[in-house]
Amino acid sequence: MCFAGDFEAPGRLSHCRFDDCYTFGRVLGMGAHSVVRSVTELSTGKQWACKCLKVHHEASSARSSGQAQTRSLDAVFREIDVLNRVQHQGVVQMREYFIEGNQIYIILERVTGRELLDAVMASESGHLSEQEARHIFVQILEAVHYLHSRDVVHRDLKLENIVQNKKGGKEEVKIVDFGLAAVAKGSSLKGACGTPYYAAPEVVSDVDYGPACDMWSVGVVLYAMLSGSVPFFCSCAEEVGKLICSGEVNLTGEVWDSVSEDAKNLVSRMLVVNPGHRITAAEALDHTWTRGKELVDAAVPV
């Protein structure tokens, strides 16, 4: 490796050259710090996704590369460490990664499907039916419950980071993008991060926080699936923060008139300002709404 310093590379580091193992295909997506491209494994012809990142050592040395900004090496290693910890059907899986110069290539399973945001926007009504939302949401909760059991906090759960993946003729939901994820026990995390409309009050307030922040975010996800909008919206970021910290959730109006009381109760129990009083993933899975009988074999179009 070309890196200096005391960084210890996490497991699954490949000692082969990237070009000897994979060939690049089209760009699948682009974030602030990375580009995701399709790659083909040369030995098998299998398709994978590759998250390409340029890294640096010092926070002050971050520069724009023209396509994506560089990211600190320790931050990338934290993401890889998290991906090493998780093995669940509802979470995108990492195969291996390569370090070449200041470039890191993370090989991930290829998730073919659409973002949950696209599913909501494509609906004729502008939102999902309660049955469709429940079928998806139970899978999200199962994945979040698993992550929290492994002391992993995602910190950026939103419609765009949940993908409906079609595999073997079946539709499954996968959580993707662990760039902000962290390993933490209790309320040991600090620093505002994530997407403002989905951020929990404790994150917005910049106080210590823990896994409960994810439950707030999935509460916003459920609200958006059922109504087609986020509960706290304003063009001014500062005002969004104030709305979030107020905890005043509107569950009235024409859209909500057709939503069951059980569903609204679950949304309300996730969007609780005090994280100590917020419902956990395990509790949400045992909620009356998520255990609804009509959930069995629900068909959700992809």
Foldseek 3Di string as FASTA:
>chain_A
DPDDDDDDADPQEDPDDPVVFKDWDAWPDADQFWTKTWIAGPVPRDIWIKTKGFEDADPVPWDDPPGHIHYHPVLVRQLVVLLVQDDDPQAKHWNHWYDDPRMIITTIHDFDFAFQLVVQCPDPVSAADLLQLLLQLLLVLVRLVRCVVSQKAQLADASRQWGFGQDPNDTHIHGDDSSPMGRDDAQADFEADYDLLQFALCNLVGDGGGNLRVLSNVLQRSVCRQQNDGQQDDPDSVSSSVSLLVLDGDQDDDSNVPPDPQSVVLSSLSSDNPSVSHDHSVVSCVGPSSPDPVNPPDDDDD
